[in-house]
N, C-alpha and C. Protein backbone atom coordinates (compact mmCIF):
# COMPACT_ATOMS: atom_id res chain seq x y z
N MET A 1 -15.70 17.06 -36.33
CA MET A 1 -15.07 16.16 -35.38
C MET A 1 -14.60 14.92 -36.13
N LYS A 2 -13.40 14.48 -35.80
CA LYS A 2 -12.80 13.34 -36.46
C LYS A 2 -13.31 12.03 -35.84
N ALA A 3 -13.63 11.05 -36.68
CA ALA A 3 -14.13 9.77 -36.19
C ALA A 3 -13.00 8.96 -35.55
N ILE A 4 -13.39 8.13 -34.59
CA ILE A 4 -12.42 7.24 -33.93
C ILE A 4 -12.07 6.13 -34.91
N PRO A 5 -10.78 5.82 -35.07
CA PRO A 5 -10.41 4.72 -35.96
C PRO A 5 -11.07 3.42 -35.50
N LYS A 6 -11.48 2.60 -36.44
CA LYS A 6 -12.21 1.37 -36.13
C LYS A 6 -11.39 0.36 -35.32
N SER A 7 -10.09 0.50 -35.31
CA SER A 7 -9.25 -0.45 -34.57
C SER A 7 -9.21 -0.14 -33.06
N ILE A 8 -9.58 1.05 -32.66
CA ILE A 8 -9.47 1.45 -31.25
C ILE A 8 -10.50 0.76 -30.34
N PRO A 9 -11.81 0.75 -30.66
CA PRO A 9 -12.77 0.10 -29.75
C PRO A 9 -12.49 -1.36 -29.42
N PRO A 10 -12.13 -2.23 -30.40
CA PRO A 10 -11.84 -3.61 -29.98
C PRO A 10 -10.59 -3.72 -29.11
N ILE A 11 -9.61 -2.86 -29.36
CA ILE A 11 -8.41 -2.88 -28.52
C ILE A 11 -8.77 -2.49 -27.09
N LEU A 12 -9.58 -1.46 -26.94
CA LEU A 12 -10.01 -1.03 -25.60
C LEU A 12 -10.83 -2.13 -24.92
N PHE A 13 -11.74 -2.75 -25.67
CA PHE A 13 -12.59 -3.80 -25.10
C PHE A 13 -11.76 -4.98 -24.60
N PHE A 14 -10.85 -5.47 -25.43
CA PHE A 14 -10.06 -6.63 -25.03
C PHE A 14 -9.04 -6.29 -23.94
N THR A 15 -8.51 -5.08 -23.96
CA THR A 15 -7.61 -4.65 -22.90
C THR A 15 -8.36 -4.61 -21.57
N TRP A 16 -9.56 -4.04 -21.59
CA TRP A 16 -10.36 -3.99 -20.36
C TRP A 16 -10.73 -5.39 -19.89
N SER A 17 -11.02 -6.29 -20.81
CA SER A 17 -11.35 -7.68 -20.45
C SER A 17 -10.19 -8.34 -19.71
N VAL A 18 -8.98 -8.11 -20.18
CA VAL A 18 -7.79 -8.68 -19.53
C VAL A 18 -7.58 -8.02 -18.17
N LEU A 19 -7.78 -6.72 -18.10
CA LEU A 19 -7.62 -6.02 -16.82
C LEU A 19 -8.63 -6.50 -15.78
N LEU A 20 -9.85 -6.85 -16.20
CA LEU A 20 -10.83 -7.38 -15.27
C LEU A 20 -10.33 -8.67 -14.61
N VAL A 21 -9.74 -9.54 -15.41
CA VAL A 21 -9.20 -10.79 -14.87
C VAL A 21 -8.01 -10.47 -13.95
N TYR A 22 -7.15 -9.57 -14.39
CA TYR A 22 -5.99 -9.19 -13.57
C TYR A 22 -6.44 -8.66 -12.21
N PHE A 23 -7.40 -7.74 -12.20
CA PHE A 23 -7.87 -7.18 -10.93
C PHE A 23 -8.56 -8.24 -10.07
N SER A 24 -9.18 -9.22 -10.71
CA SER A 24 -9.83 -10.30 -9.96
C SER A 24 -8.82 -11.21 -9.28
N LEU A 25 -7.63 -11.29 -9.83
CA LEU A 25 -6.61 -12.19 -9.29
C LEU A 25 -5.60 -11.49 -8.38
N MET A 26 -5.63 -10.16 -8.34
CA MET A 26 -4.70 -9.42 -7.47
C MET A 26 -4.95 -9.79 -6.01
N PRO A 27 -3.88 -9.78 -5.22
CA PRO A 27 -4.10 -9.99 -3.78
C PRO A 27 -5.05 -8.93 -3.23
N ASN A 28 -5.87 -9.31 -2.29
CA ASN A 28 -6.91 -8.42 -1.76
C ASN A 28 -6.34 -7.11 -1.21
N SER A 29 -5.18 -7.17 -0.59
CA SER A 29 -4.59 -5.95 -0.03
C SER A 29 -4.13 -4.99 -1.11
N SER A 30 -3.94 -5.49 -2.35
CA SER A 30 -3.49 -4.64 -3.45
C SER A 30 -4.65 -4.01 -4.19
N VAL A 31 -5.86 -4.48 -3.95
CA VAL A 31 -7.02 -3.98 -4.66
C VAL A 31 -7.38 -2.60 -4.11
N PRO A 32 -7.45 -1.59 -5.00
CA PRO A 32 -7.80 -0.25 -4.50
C PRO A 32 -9.16 -0.26 -3.81
N GLY A 33 -9.25 0.40 -2.66
CA GLY A 33 -10.53 0.51 -1.94
C GLY A 33 -10.96 -0.75 -1.23
N SER A 34 -10.03 -1.66 -0.96
CA SER A 34 -10.43 -2.93 -0.34
C SER A 34 -10.41 -2.88 1.19
N GLY A 35 -10.13 -1.73 1.77
CA GLY A 35 -10.13 -1.62 3.22
C GLY A 35 -11.54 -1.75 3.77
N SER A 36 -11.66 -2.02 5.03
CA SER A 36 -12.99 -2.20 5.61
C SER A 36 -13.59 -0.83 5.95
N THR A 37 -14.74 -0.57 5.41
CA THR A 37 -15.50 0.64 5.70
C THR A 37 -16.94 0.23 5.89
N THR A 38 -17.77 1.18 6.30
CA THR A 38 -19.18 0.88 6.48
C THR A 38 -19.84 0.51 5.16
N PHE A 39 -19.55 1.29 4.13
CA PHE A 39 -20.11 1.02 2.80
C PHE A 39 -19.13 0.19 2.01
N ARG A 40 -19.60 -0.85 1.36
CA ARG A 40 -18.74 -1.72 0.57
C ARG A 40 -18.53 -1.12 -0.81
N TRP A 41 -17.50 -0.30 -0.96
CA TRP A 41 -17.20 0.34 -2.23
C TRP A 41 -16.92 -0.67 -3.32
N ASP A 42 -16.45 -1.84 -2.96
CA ASP A 42 -16.12 -2.81 -4.00
C ASP A 42 -17.35 -3.26 -4.79
N PHE A 43 -18.53 -3.21 -4.17
CA PHE A 43 -19.74 -3.55 -4.94
C PHE A 43 -19.95 -2.54 -6.07
N LEU A 44 -19.77 -1.28 -5.75
CA LEU A 44 -19.89 -0.23 -6.77
C LEU A 44 -18.79 -0.40 -7.83
N GLU A 45 -17.60 -0.76 -7.40
CA GLU A 45 -16.50 -0.98 -8.33
C GLU A 45 -16.81 -2.13 -9.29
N HIS A 46 -17.41 -3.20 -8.79
CA HIS A 46 -17.79 -4.32 -9.64
C HIS A 46 -18.81 -3.86 -10.69
N MET A 47 -19.78 -3.09 -10.24
CA MET A 47 -20.82 -2.60 -11.14
C MET A 47 -20.23 -1.70 -12.23
N VAL A 48 -19.39 -0.78 -11.85
CA VAL A 48 -18.78 0.14 -12.81
C VAL A 48 -17.85 -0.61 -13.76
N ALA A 49 -17.10 -1.56 -13.24
CA ALA A 49 -16.16 -2.32 -14.08
C ALA A 49 -16.90 -3.07 -15.19
N PHE A 50 -18.00 -3.72 -14.84
CA PHE A 50 -18.74 -4.47 -15.86
C PHE A 50 -19.65 -3.58 -16.68
N GLY A 51 -20.02 -2.42 -16.15
CA GLY A 51 -20.73 -1.43 -16.97
C GLY A 51 -19.81 -0.92 -18.07
N LEU A 52 -18.54 -0.68 -17.73
CA LEU A 52 -17.56 -0.24 -18.71
C LEU A 52 -17.30 -1.35 -19.73
N PHE A 53 -17.26 -2.59 -19.28
CA PHE A 53 -17.10 -3.74 -20.17
C PHE A 53 -18.21 -3.73 -21.23
N SER A 54 -19.45 -3.53 -20.81
CA SER A 54 -20.58 -3.47 -21.75
C SER A 54 -20.50 -2.25 -22.65
N PHE A 55 -20.16 -1.10 -22.06
CA PHE A 55 -20.04 0.14 -22.82
C PHE A 55 -19.05 -0.03 -23.97
N LEU A 56 -17.88 -0.56 -23.66
CA LEU A 56 -16.85 -0.74 -24.70
C LEU A 56 -17.30 -1.71 -25.78
N TYR A 57 -18.05 -2.74 -25.39
CA TYR A 57 -18.55 -3.69 -26.38
C TYR A 57 -19.57 -3.03 -27.31
N VAL A 58 -20.49 -2.29 -26.74
CA VAL A 58 -21.52 -1.63 -27.56
C VAL A 58 -20.88 -0.63 -28.51
N ILE A 59 -19.91 0.13 -28.05
CA ILE A 59 -19.23 1.09 -28.91
C ILE A 59 -18.50 0.36 -30.04
N TRP A 60 -17.86 -0.75 -29.71
CA TRP A 60 -17.13 -1.53 -30.71
C TRP A 60 -18.08 -2.12 -31.75
N ARG A 61 -19.17 -2.71 -31.30
CA ARG A 61 -20.07 -3.46 -32.19
C ARG A 61 -21.33 -2.67 -32.53
N ALA A 62 -21.26 -1.38 -32.56
CA ALA A 62 -22.43 -0.52 -32.73
C ALA A 62 -23.28 -0.87 -33.95
N GLU A 63 -22.65 -1.25 -35.02
CA GLU A 63 -23.40 -1.55 -36.25
C GLU A 63 -24.20 -2.84 -36.16
N SER A 64 -23.66 -3.84 -35.49
CA SER A 64 -24.34 -5.15 -35.46
C SER A 64 -25.07 -5.42 -34.15
N ILE A 65 -24.97 -4.53 -33.20
CA ILE A 65 -25.56 -4.77 -31.87
C ILE A 65 -27.09 -4.70 -31.91
N LYS A 66 -27.66 -4.33 -33.03
CA LYS A 66 -29.12 -4.26 -33.14
C LYS A 66 -29.72 -5.64 -33.43
N LYS A 67 -28.90 -6.59 -33.80
CA LYS A 67 -29.39 -7.94 -34.10
C LYS A 67 -29.61 -8.71 -32.81
N LYS A 68 -30.76 -9.37 -32.71
CA LYS A 68 -31.09 -10.11 -31.49
C LYS A 68 -30.08 -11.22 -31.19
N LYS A 69 -29.59 -11.85 -32.23
CA LYS A 69 -28.63 -12.94 -32.03
C LYS A 69 -27.35 -12.41 -31.37
N GLU A 70 -26.86 -11.26 -31.82
CA GLU A 70 -25.64 -10.69 -31.23
C GLU A 70 -25.89 -10.23 -29.80
N ILE A 71 -27.05 -9.66 -29.56
CA ILE A 71 -27.39 -9.23 -28.19
C ILE A 71 -27.39 -10.43 -27.27
N PHE A 72 -28.08 -11.49 -27.67
CA PHE A 72 -28.14 -12.70 -26.85
C PHE A 72 -26.75 -13.28 -26.63
N LEU A 73 -25.96 -13.34 -27.70
CA LEU A 73 -24.62 -13.91 -27.60
C LEU A 73 -23.74 -13.11 -26.65
N PHE A 74 -23.76 -11.78 -26.77
CA PHE A 74 -22.95 -10.96 -25.87
C PHE A 74 -23.40 -11.14 -24.42
N LEU A 75 -24.71 -11.09 -24.19
CA LEU A 75 -25.20 -11.21 -22.81
C LEU A 75 -24.90 -12.59 -22.22
N ALA A 76 -24.96 -13.64 -23.04
CA ALA A 76 -24.63 -14.98 -22.56
C ALA A 76 -23.14 -15.09 -22.24
N ILE A 77 -22.30 -14.61 -23.14
CA ILE A 77 -20.86 -14.67 -22.91
C ILE A 77 -20.47 -13.71 -21.78
N GLY A 78 -21.06 -12.53 -21.77
CA GLY A 78 -20.78 -11.55 -20.71
C GLY A 78 -21.19 -12.06 -19.34
N THR A 79 -22.34 -12.74 -19.27
CA THR A 79 -22.79 -13.32 -18.00
C THR A 79 -21.80 -14.38 -17.52
N SER A 80 -21.38 -15.23 -18.44
CA SER A 80 -20.39 -16.26 -18.09
C SER A 80 -19.09 -15.61 -17.62
N TYR A 81 -18.65 -14.58 -18.32
CA TYR A 81 -17.41 -13.88 -17.96
C TYR A 81 -17.53 -13.22 -16.59
N ALA A 82 -18.67 -12.60 -16.33
CA ALA A 82 -18.90 -11.93 -15.04
C ALA A 82 -18.86 -12.95 -13.89
N ILE A 83 -19.40 -14.11 -14.12
CA ILE A 83 -19.40 -15.16 -13.08
C ILE A 83 -18.00 -15.77 -12.94
N LEU A 84 -17.36 -16.07 -14.06
CA LEU A 84 -16.05 -16.72 -14.02
C LEU A 84 -14.97 -15.83 -13.41
N THR A 85 -15.04 -14.52 -13.66
CA THR A 85 -14.02 -13.65 -13.06
C THR A 85 -14.11 -13.66 -11.54
N GLU A 86 -15.27 -13.97 -11.02
CA GLU A 86 -15.40 -14.09 -9.57
C GLU A 86 -15.01 -15.50 -9.11
N LEU A 87 -15.42 -16.51 -9.85
CA LEU A 87 -15.14 -17.89 -9.44
C LEU A 87 -13.66 -18.23 -9.46
N ILE A 88 -12.88 -17.61 -10.35
CA ILE A 88 -11.45 -17.92 -10.39
C ILE A 88 -10.73 -17.48 -9.12
N GLN A 89 -11.37 -16.62 -8.35
CA GLN A 89 -10.76 -16.18 -7.10
C GLN A 89 -10.66 -17.32 -6.09
N HIS A 90 -11.46 -18.35 -6.28
CA HIS A 90 -11.40 -19.53 -5.41
C HIS A 90 -10.01 -20.19 -5.47
N PHE A 91 -9.34 -20.03 -6.60
CA PHE A 91 -8.05 -20.70 -6.81
C PHE A 91 -6.86 -19.82 -6.44
N THR A 92 -7.12 -18.69 -5.81
CA THR A 92 -6.04 -17.82 -5.34
C THR A 92 -5.89 -17.97 -3.83
N ASN A 93 -4.78 -17.53 -3.30
CA ASN A 93 -4.53 -17.65 -1.86
C ASN A 93 -5.24 -16.58 -1.04
N ASP A 94 -5.38 -15.40 -1.62
CA ASP A 94 -5.83 -14.25 -0.84
C ASP A 94 -7.25 -13.79 -1.15
N ARG A 95 -7.90 -14.38 -2.11
CA ARG A 95 -9.23 -13.90 -2.53
C ARG A 95 -10.27 -14.98 -2.27
N THR A 96 -11.52 -14.55 -2.11
CA THR A 96 -12.62 -15.50 -1.92
C THR A 96 -13.75 -15.16 -2.88
N VAL A 97 -14.55 -16.15 -3.16
CA VAL A 97 -15.72 -15.97 -4.02
C VAL A 97 -16.84 -15.34 -3.19
N ASN A 98 -17.45 -14.31 -3.73
CA ASN A 98 -18.55 -13.64 -3.04
C ASN A 98 -19.74 -13.56 -3.99
N PRO A 99 -20.84 -14.24 -3.68
CA PRO A 99 -22.01 -14.21 -4.56
C PRO A 99 -22.56 -12.80 -4.78
N ILE A 100 -22.39 -11.92 -3.79
CA ILE A 100 -22.86 -10.54 -3.95
C ILE A 100 -22.03 -9.82 -5.02
N ASP A 101 -20.73 -10.13 -5.08
CA ASP A 101 -19.89 -9.57 -6.13
C ASP A 101 -20.38 -10.02 -7.51
N ILE A 102 -20.76 -11.29 -7.61
CA ILE A 102 -21.30 -11.80 -8.88
C ILE A 102 -22.56 -11.03 -9.24
N LEU A 103 -23.42 -10.80 -8.28
CA LEU A 103 -24.65 -10.05 -8.52
C LEU A 103 -24.34 -8.66 -9.05
N PHE A 104 -23.39 -7.96 -8.42
CA PHE A 104 -23.05 -6.62 -8.87
C PHE A 104 -22.32 -6.63 -10.21
N ASN A 105 -21.55 -7.68 -10.50
CA ASN A 105 -20.97 -7.83 -11.84
C ASN A 105 -22.09 -7.88 -12.87
N LEU A 106 -23.12 -8.67 -12.58
CA LEU A 106 -24.23 -8.84 -13.53
C LEU A 106 -25.08 -7.58 -13.65
N ILE A 107 -25.30 -6.89 -12.54
CA ILE A 107 -26.04 -5.63 -12.59
C ILE A 107 -25.30 -4.64 -13.48
N GLY A 108 -23.99 -4.55 -13.30
CA GLY A 108 -23.18 -3.65 -14.12
C GLY A 108 -23.20 -4.06 -15.58
N LEU A 109 -23.07 -5.36 -15.85
CA LEU A 109 -23.07 -5.86 -17.22
C LEU A 109 -24.37 -5.50 -17.94
N TYR A 110 -25.49 -5.83 -17.32
CA TYR A 110 -26.79 -5.62 -17.98
C TYR A 110 -27.18 -4.14 -18.02
N SER A 111 -26.99 -3.42 -16.93
CA SER A 111 -27.36 -2.00 -16.95
C SER A 111 -26.44 -1.23 -17.89
N GLY A 112 -25.16 -1.54 -17.87
CA GLY A 112 -24.24 -0.89 -18.80
C GLY A 112 -24.59 -1.16 -20.24
N PHE A 113 -24.97 -2.40 -20.53
CA PHE A 113 -25.33 -2.76 -21.90
C PHE A 113 -26.57 -2.01 -22.36
N PHE A 114 -27.64 -2.11 -21.58
CA PHE A 114 -28.90 -1.51 -22.03
C PHE A 114 -28.88 0.02 -22.01
N ILE A 115 -28.22 0.61 -21.03
CA ILE A 115 -28.12 2.08 -21.00
C ILE A 115 -27.28 2.58 -22.17
N THR A 116 -26.13 1.96 -22.40
CA THR A 116 -25.27 2.38 -23.51
C THR A 116 -25.97 2.17 -24.84
N ARG A 117 -26.62 1.04 -25.00
CA ARG A 117 -27.32 0.76 -26.26
C ARG A 117 -28.43 1.77 -26.48
N PHE A 118 -29.19 2.08 -25.44
CA PHE A 118 -30.26 3.07 -25.56
C PHE A 118 -29.70 4.43 -25.95
N LEU A 119 -28.67 4.88 -25.24
CA LEU A 119 -28.09 6.19 -25.53
C LEU A 119 -27.45 6.24 -26.91
N PHE A 120 -26.78 5.16 -27.29
CA PHE A 120 -26.15 5.13 -28.61
C PHE A 120 -27.20 5.18 -29.70
N ASN A 121 -28.27 4.41 -29.56
CA ASN A 121 -29.34 4.43 -30.56
C ASN A 121 -30.03 5.78 -30.61
N ARG A 122 -30.19 6.38 -29.47
CA ARG A 122 -30.88 7.66 -29.38
C ARG A 122 -30.06 8.82 -29.94
N PHE A 123 -28.76 8.79 -29.68
CA PHE A 123 -27.91 9.94 -30.03
C PHE A 123 -26.85 9.63 -31.07
N SER A 124 -26.93 8.48 -31.74
CA SER A 124 -25.89 8.10 -32.70
C SER A 124 -25.80 9.09 -33.87
N LYS A 125 -26.86 9.81 -34.14
CA LYS A 125 -26.80 10.78 -35.25
C LYS A 125 -25.83 11.92 -34.95
N PHE A 126 -25.45 12.08 -33.68
CA PHE A 126 -24.53 13.15 -33.32
C PHE A 126 -23.07 12.71 -33.42
N PHE A 127 -22.83 11.41 -33.68
CA PHE A 127 -21.46 10.92 -33.75
C PHE A 127 -21.00 10.75 -35.18
């Protein structure tokens, strides 16, 4: 199996980071799954979006992600990013800040990070 070129993971990570901000600023009616239903699918979407954010970061920084300083730095910056992507909605006409969305952003960020890191460390010999 051919290895992924080293330039691909950071491109994917930064592209996804920009898309997270874009989706946060889109008008509410344009957001996929934003209709009213009994179950709030957007909470799951927030979790998956930030889980993918963490996944892409771990894949990109696989060699250095074992250092405590890098782990702390990513989680601190990621936490700030997860909160800010929700808070910037206050400055739009059609979106509102929802603390539950922030919670699900953080759940996705942390669970995505630790699950991906665990799986990568466990199965990295297969890659």
